Every structure is written in structure tokens, then in C-alpha cells.
């Protein structure tokens, strides 16, 4: 099997790109995270609902509502 090295490199590349995506995700604000989920069609997930609730809670705390 001559492709084990290529497979290993591909796995490493995927891990690195996943780390990069995770770092980018952490830099986003809650509203930006929610917008990305909505754009990708994941607006109905528990995580999206939690983000929405976090936004509402922050607004209530700030007095914007």
C-alpha cells in the first residue's frame, strides 16, 4: 500500500484546518456565530437556540429590550 504517507498527511492537514476553524469560531461574537449557523441551515439546533437565548439575556441585562 503506497498511499499510507499521503493518508497520514491528509489527516494532519484536516486536523490543522479543524484547529484553524475552531480558532476562527472562537473569535466571532455570539451574533456572528448565530448568523453562520443560520446561513448553513443549522438554525433549528439546540446550540443555535442557546445562542439566541444568550443574546436575549445579554440585551435584558443591558436594558435594550
PDB file of N, CA and C in Angstrom:
ATOM      1  N   UNK A   1       0.844  -1.179   0.000  1.00  0.00           N
ATOM      2  CA  UNK A   1       0.000   0.000   0.000  1.00  0.00           C
ATOM      3  C   UNK A   1       0.892   1.246   0.000  1.00  0.00           C
ATOM      4  N   UNK A   2       0.936   1.908  -1.110  1.00  0.00           N
ATOM      5  CA  UNK A   2       1.813   3.047  -1.231  1.00  0.00           C
ATOM      6  C   UNK A   2       1.203   4.359  -0.791  1.00  0.00           C
ATOM      7  N   UNK A   3      -0.040   4.345  -0.339  1.00  0.00           N
ATOM      8  CA  UNK A   3      -0.692   5.624  -0.055  1.00  0.00           C
ATOM      9  C   UNK A   3      -0.790   5.940   1.431  1.00  0.00           C
ATOM     10  N   UNK A   4      -0.113   5.194   2.293  1.00  0.00           N
ATOM     11  CA  UNK A   4      -0.239   5.463   3.731  1.00  0.00           C
ATOM     12  C   UNK A   4       0.334   6.823   4.092  1.00  0.00           C
ATOM     13  N   UNK A   5       1.436   7.207   3.460  1.00  0.00           N
ATOM     14  CA  UNK A   5       2.030   8.501   3.773  1.00  0.00           C
ATOM     15  C   UNK A   5       1.077   9.624   3.381  1.00  0.00           C
ATOM     16  N   UNK A   6       0.483   9.502   2.209  1.00  0.00           N
ATOM     17  CA  UNK A   6      -0.462  10.522   1.763  1.00  0.00           C
ATOM     18  C   UNK A   6      -1.662  10.590   2.693  1.00  0.00           C
ATOM     19  N   UNK A   7      -2.149   9.446   3.129  1.00  0.00           N
ATOM     20  CA  UNK A   7      -3.276   9.420   4.053  1.00  0.00           C
ATOM     21  C   UNK A   7      -2.942  10.098   5.363  1.00  0.00           C
ATOM     22  N   UNK A   8      -1.738   9.842   5.863  1.00  0.00           N
ATOM     23  CA  UNK A   8      -1.304  10.446   7.122  1.00  0.00           C
ATOM     24  C   UNK A   8      -1.216  11.960   6.968  1.00  0.00           C
ATOM     25  N   UNK A   9      -0.657  12.404   5.862  1.00  0.00           N
ATOM     26  CA  UNK A   9      -0.553  13.848   5.623  1.00  0.00           C
ATOM     27  C   UNK A   9      -1.934  14.483   5.502  1.00  0.00           C
ATOM     28  N   UNK A  10      -2.842  13.786   4.863  1.00  0.00           N
ATOM     29  CA  UNK A  10      -4.198  14.318   4.709  1.00  0.00           C
ATOM     30  C   UNK A  10      -4.876  14.447   6.064  1.00  0.00           C
ATOM     31  N   UNK A  11      -4.674  13.447   6.936  1.00  0.00           N
ATOM     32  CA  UNK A  11      -5.269  13.522   8.278  1.00  0.00           C
ATOM     33  C   UNK A  11      -4.692  14.696   9.052  1.00  0.00           C
ATOM     34  N   UNK A  12      -3.380  14.883   8.946  1.00  0.00           N
ATOM     35  CA  UNK A  12      -2.732  16.005   9.627  1.00  0.00           C
ATOM     36  C   UNK A  12      -3.285  17.328   9.107  1.00  0.00           C
ATOM     37  N   UNK A  13      -3.432  17.419   7.792  1.00  0.00           N
ATOM     38  CA  UNK A  13      -3.984  18.646   7.203  1.00  0.00           C
ATOM     39  C   UNK A  13      -5.396  18.904   7.701  1.00  0.00           C
ATOM     40  N   UNK A  14      -6.203  17.849   7.793  1.00  0.00           N
ATOM     41  CA  UNK A  14      -7.581  18.021   8.266  1.00  0.00           C
ATOM     42  C   UNK A  14      -7.600  18.466   9.720  1.00  0.00           C
ATOM     43  N   UNK A  15      -6.698  17.892  10.534  1.00  0.00           N
ATOM     44  CA  UNK A  15      -6.636  18.302  11.941  1.00  0.00           C
ATOM     45  C   UNK A  15      -6.255  19.773  12.052  1.00  0.00           C
ATOM     46  N   UNK A  16      -5.265  20.168  11.268  1.00  0.00           N
ATOM     47  CA  UNK A  16      -4.818  21.565  11.321  1.00  0.00           C
ATOM     48  C   UNK A  16      -5.912  22.511  10.844  1.00  0.00           C
ATOM     49  N   UNK A  17      -6.608  22.140   9.781  1.00  0.00           N
ATOM     50  CA  UNK A  17      -7.663  23.029   9.295  1.00  0.00           C
ATOM     51  C   UNK A  17      -8.819  23.073  10.293  1.00  0.00           C
ATOM     52  N   UNK A  18      -9.077  21.967  10.985  1.00  0.00           N
ATOM     53  CA  UNK A  18     -10.118  21.967  12.017  1.00  0.00           C
ATOM     54  C   UNK A  18      -9.716  22.884  13.166  1.00  0.00           C
ATOM     55  N   UNK A  19      -8.438  22.860  13.535  1.00  0.00           N
ATOM     56  CA  UNK A  19      -7.955  23.757  14.593  1.00  0.00           C
ATOM     57  C   UNK A  19      -8.108  25.209  14.162  1.00  0.00           C
ATOM     58  N   UNK A  20      -7.755  25.484  12.906  1.00  0.00           N
ATOM     59  CA  UNK A  20      -7.882  26.850  12.387  1.00  0.00           C
ATOM     60  C   UNK A  20      -9.332  27.311  12.427  1.00  0.00           C
ATOM     61  N   UNK A  21     -10.248  26.426  11.997  1.00  0.00           N
ATOM     62  CA  UNK A  21     -11.669  26.785  12.014  1.00  0.00           C
ATOM     63  C   UNK A  21     -12.144  27.017  13.447  1.00  0.00           C
ATOM     64  N   UNK A  22     -11.672  26.204  14.384  1.00  0.00           N
ATOM     65  CA  UNK A  22     -12.070  26.370  15.782  1.00  0.00           C
ATOM     66  C   UNK A  22     -11.573  27.702  16.330  1.00  0.00           C
ATOM     67  N   UNK A  23     -10.349  28.070  15.984  1.00  0.00           N
ATOM     68  CA  UNK A  23      -9.810  29.353  16.440  1.00  0.00           C
ATOM     69  C   UNK A  23     -10.599  30.516  15.847  1.00  0.00           C
ATOM     70  N   UNK A  24     -10.926  30.419  14.570  1.00  0.00           N
ATOM     71  CA  UNK A  24     -11.724  31.468  13.931  1.00  0.00           C
ATOM     72  C   UNK A  24     -13.093  31.574  14.594  1.00  0.00           C
ATOM     73  N   UNK A  25     -13.690  30.430  14.923  1.00  0.00           N
ATOM     74  CA  UNK A  25     -15.015  30.388  15.537  1.00  0.00           C
ATOM     75  C   UNK A  25     -14.985  31.089  16.893  1.00  0.00           C
ATOM     76  N   UNK A  26     -13.918  30.875  17.663  1.00  0.00           N
ATOM     77  CA  UNK A  26     -13.813  31.485  18.983  1.00  0.00           C
ATOM     78  C   UNK A  26     -13.687  33.002  18.896  1.00  0.00           C
ATOM     79  N   UNK A  27     -13.167  33.508  17.793  1.00  0.00           N
ATOM     80  CA  UNK A  27     -13.002  34.955  17.637  1.00  0.00           C
ATOM     81  C   UNK A  27     -14.316  35.657  17.311  1.00  0.00           C
ATOM     82  N   UNK A  28     -15.312  34.911  16.838  1.00  0.00           N
ATOM     83  CA  UNK A  28     -16.584  35.512  16.436  1.00  0.00           C
ATOM     84  C   UNK A  28     -17.421  35.902  17.647  1.00  0.00           C
ATOM     85  N   UNK A  29     -18.273  36.891  17.466  1.00  0.00           N
ATOM     86  CA  UNK A  29     -19.218  37.247  18.515  1.00  0.00           C
ATOM     87  C   UNK A  29     -20.388  36.275  18.471  1.00  0.00           C
ATOM     88  N   UNK A  30     -21.221  36.308  19.490  1.00  0.00           N
ATOM     89  CA  UNK A  30     -22.376  35.417  19.558  1.00  0.00           C
ATOM     90  C   UNK A  30     -23.302  35.629  18.371  1.00  0.00           C
ATOM     91  N   UNK A  31     -23.527  36.878  18.005  1.00  0.00           N
ATOM     92  CA  UNK A  31     -24.423  37.177  16.886  1.00  0.00           C
ATOM     93  C   UNK A  31     -23.837  36.639  15.580  1.00  0.00           C
ATOM     94  N   UNK A  32     -22.530  36.789  15.399  1.00  0.00           N
ATOM     95  CA  UNK A  32     -21.886  36.281  14.186  1.00  0.00           C
ATOM     96  C   UNK A  32     -21.960  34.757  14.124  1.00  0.00           C
ATOM     97  N   UNK A  33     -21.775  34.094  15.276  1.00  0.00           N
ATOM     98  CA  UNK A  33     -21.875  32.633  15.320  1.00  0.00           C
ATOM     99  C   UNK A  33     -23.276  32.193  14.915  1.00  0.00           C
ATOM    100  N   UNK A  34     -24.278  32.860  15.472  1.00  0.00           N
ATOM    101  CA  UNK A  34     -25.662  32.513  15.152  1.00  0.00           C
ATOM    102  C   UNK A  34     -25.931  32.736  13.665  1.00  0.00           C
ATOM    103  N   UNK A  35     -25.424  33.828  13.116  1.00  0.00           N
ATOM    104  CA  UNK A  35     -25.637  34.110  11.698  1.00  0.00           C
ATOM    105  C   UNK A  35     -25.006  33.032  10.821  1.00  0.00           C
ATOM    106  N   UNK A  36     -23.822  32.560  11.195  1.00  0.00           N
ATOM    107  CA  UNK A  36     -23.179  31.499  10.413  1.00  0.00           C
ATOM    108  C   UNK A  36     -23.988  30.217  10.473  1.00  0.00           C
ATOM    109  N   UNK A  37     -24.522  29.887  11.653  1.00  0.00           N
ATOM    110  CA  UNK A  37     -25.349  28.684  11.774  1.00  0.00           C
ATOM    111  C   UNK A  37     -26.591  28.801  10.903  1.00  0.00           C
ATOM    112  N   UNK A  38     -27.213  29.973  10.923  1.00  0.00           N
ATOM    113  CA  UNK A  38     -28.413  30.194  10.110  1.00  0.00           C
ATOM    114  C   UNK A  38     -28.062  30.061   8.627  1.00  0.00           C
ATOM    115  N   UNK A  39     -26.939  30.643   8.223  1.00  0.00           N
ATOM    116  CA  UNK A  39     -26.518  30.577   6.821  1.00  0.00           C
ATOM    117  C   UNK A  39     -26.297  29.136   6.367  1.00  0.00           C
ATOM    118  N   UNK A  40     -25.818  28.297   7.272  1.00  0.00           N
ATOM    119  CA  UNK A  40     -25.528  26.905   6.919  1.00  0.00           C
ATOM    120  C   UNK A  40     -26.738  25.996   7.101  1.00  0.00           C
ATOM    121  N   UNK A  41     -27.853  26.560   7.539  1.00  0.00           N
ATOM    122  CA  UNK A  41     -29.059  25.757   7.683  1.00  0.00           C
ATOM    123  C   UNK A  41     -29.175  25.043   9.012  1.00  0.00           C
ATOM    124  N   UNK A  42     -28.451  25.502  10.021  1.00  0.00           N
ATOM    125  CA  UNK A  42     -28.492  24.866  11.337  1.00  0.00           C
ATOM    126  C   UNK A  42     -29.217  25.730  12.362  1.00  0.00           C
ATOM    127  N   UNK A  43     -30.170  26.515  11.919  1.00  0.00           N
ATOM    128  CA  UNK A  43     -30.850  27.460  12.801  1.00  0.00           C
ATOM    129  C   UNK A  43     -31.731  26.761  13.825  1.00  0.00           C
ATOM    130  N   UNK A  44     -32.070  25.491  13.596  1.00  0.00           N
ATOM    131  CA  UNK A  44     -33.003  24.780  14.468  1.00  0.00           C
ATOM    132  C   UNK A  44     -32.298  23.991  15.570  1.00  0.00           C
ATOM    133  N   UNK A  45     -30.983  23.989  15.599  1.00  0.00           N
ATOM    134  CA  UNK A  45     -30.255  23.147  16.546  1.00  0.00           C
ATOM    135  C   UNK A  45     -30.319  23.712  17.962  1.00  0.00           C
ATOM    136  N   UNK A  46     -30.035  22.848  18.922  1.00  0.00           N
ATOM    137  CA  UNK A  46     -30.026  23.267  20.329  1.00  0.00           C
ATOM    138  C   UNK A  46     -28.992  24.364  20.554  1.00  0.00           C
ATOM    139  N   UNK A  47     -27.841  24.253  19.882  1.00  0.00           N
ATOM    140  CA  UNK A  47     -26.788  25.245  20.052  1.00  0.00           C
ATOM    141  C   UNK A  47     -27.245  26.615  19.557  1.00  0.00           C
ATOM    142  N   UNK A  48     -27.944  26.640  18.424  1.00  0.00           N
ATOM    143  CA  UNK A  48     -28.451  27.909  17.890  1.00  0.00           C
ATOM    144  C   UNK A  48     -29.477  28.506  18.848  1.00  0.00           C
ATOM    145  N   UNK A  49     -30.321  27.663  19.412  1.00  0.00           N
ATOM    146  CA  UNK A  49     -31.314  28.152  20.376  1.00  0.00           C
ATOM    147  C   UNK A  49     -30.629  28.729  21.604  1.00  0.00           C
ATOM    148  N   UNK A  50     -29.541  28.073  22.044  1.00  0.00           N
ATOM    149  CA  UNK A  50     -28.796  28.570  23.197  1.00  0.00           C
ATOM    150  C   UNK A  50     -28.169  29.933  22.872  1.00  0.00           C
ATOM    151  N   UNK A  51     -27.616  30.073  21.671  1.00  0.00           N
ATOM    152  CA  UNK A  51     -27.032  31.356  21.272  1.00  0.00           C
ATOM    153  C   UNK A  51     -28.090  32.452  21.261  1.00  0.00           C
ATOM    154  N   UNK A  52     -29.276  32.135  20.728  1.00  0.00           N
ATOM    155  CA  UNK A  52     -30.360  33.127  20.720  1.00  0.00           C
ATOM    156  C   UNK A  52     -30.707  33.551  22.140  1.00  0.00           C
ATOM    157  N   UNK A  53     -30.786  32.578  23.046  1.00  0.00           N
ATOM    158  CA  UNK A  53     -31.124  32.882  24.432  1.00  0.00           C
ATOM    159  C   UNK A  53     -30.033  33.734  25.071  1.00  0.00           C
ATOM    160  N   UNK A  54     -28.773  33.442  24.762  1.00  0.00           N
ATOM    161  CA  UNK A  54     -27.665  34.251  25.277  1.00  0.00           C
ATOM    162  C   UNK A  54     -27.789  35.701  24.815  1.00  0.00           C
ATOM    163  N   UNK A  55     -28.182  35.894  23.553  1.00  0.00           N
ATOM    164  CA  UNK A  55     -28.348  37.248  23.021  1.00  0.00           C
ATOM    165  C   UNK A  55     -29.471  37.966  23.765  1.00  0.00           C
ATOM    166  N   UNK A  56     -30.592  37.281  23.964  1.00  0.00           N
ATOM    167  CA  UNK A  56     -31.729  37.878  24.669  1.00  0.00           C
ATOM    168  C   UNK A  56     -31.337  38.224  26.100  1.00  0.00           C
ATOM    169  N   UNK A  57     -30.646  37.296  26.772  1.00  0.00           N
ATOM    170  CA  UNK A  57     -30.223  37.542  28.152  1.00  0.00           C
ATOM    171  C   UNK A  57     -29.290  38.747  28.236  1.00  0.00           C
ATOM    172  N   UNK A  58     -28.375  38.857  27.285  1.00  0.00           N
ATOM    173  CA  UNK A  58     -27.441  39.985  27.288  1.00  0.00           C
ATOM    174  C   UNK A  58     -28.182  41.300  27.084  1.00  0.00           C
ATOM    175  N   UNK A  59     -29.171  41.287  26.201  1.00  0.00           N
ATOM    176  CA  UNK A  59     -29.948  42.510  25.963  1.00  0.00           C
ATOM    177  C   UNK A  59     -30.764  42.883  27.190  1.00  0.00           C
ATOM    178  N   UNK A  60     -31.345  41.891  27.844  1.00  0.00           N
ATOM    179  CA  UNK A  60     -32.120  42.167  29.056  1.00  0.00           C
ATOM    180  C   UNK A  60     -31.224  42.760  30.134  1.00  0.00           C
ATOM    181  N   UNK A  61     -30.043  42.182  30.273  1.00  0.00           N
ATOM    182  CA  UNK A  61     -29.107  42.641  31.285  1.00  0.00           C
ATOM    183  C   UNK A  61     -28.671  44.077  31.001  1.00  0.00           C
ATOM    184  N   UNK A  62     -28.480  44.381  29.709  1.00  0.00           N
ATOM    185  CA  UNK A  62     -28.042  45.708  29.309  1.00  0.00           C
ATOM    186  C   UNK A  62     -29.186  46.716  29.329  1.00  0.00           C
ATOM    187  N   UNK A  63     -30.404  46.228  29.218  1.00  0.00           N
ATOM    188  CA  UNK A  63     -31.557  47.113  29.234  1.00  0.00           C
ATOM    189  C   UNK A  63     -31.986  47.575  27.863  1.00  0.00           C
ATOM    190  N   UNK A  64     -31.678  46.802  26.826  1.00  0.00           N
ATOM    191  CA  UNK A  64     -32.009  47.201  25.453  1.00  0.00           C
ATOM    192  C   UNK A  64     -33.403  46.777  25.020  1.00  0.00           C
ATOM    193  N   UNK A  65     -34.088  45.987  25.816  1.00  0.00           N
ATOM    194  CA  UNK A  65     -35.374  45.440  25.350  1.00  0.00           C
ATOM    195  C   UNK A  65     -36.530  46.340  25.692  1.00  0.00           C
TER     196      UNK A  65
END
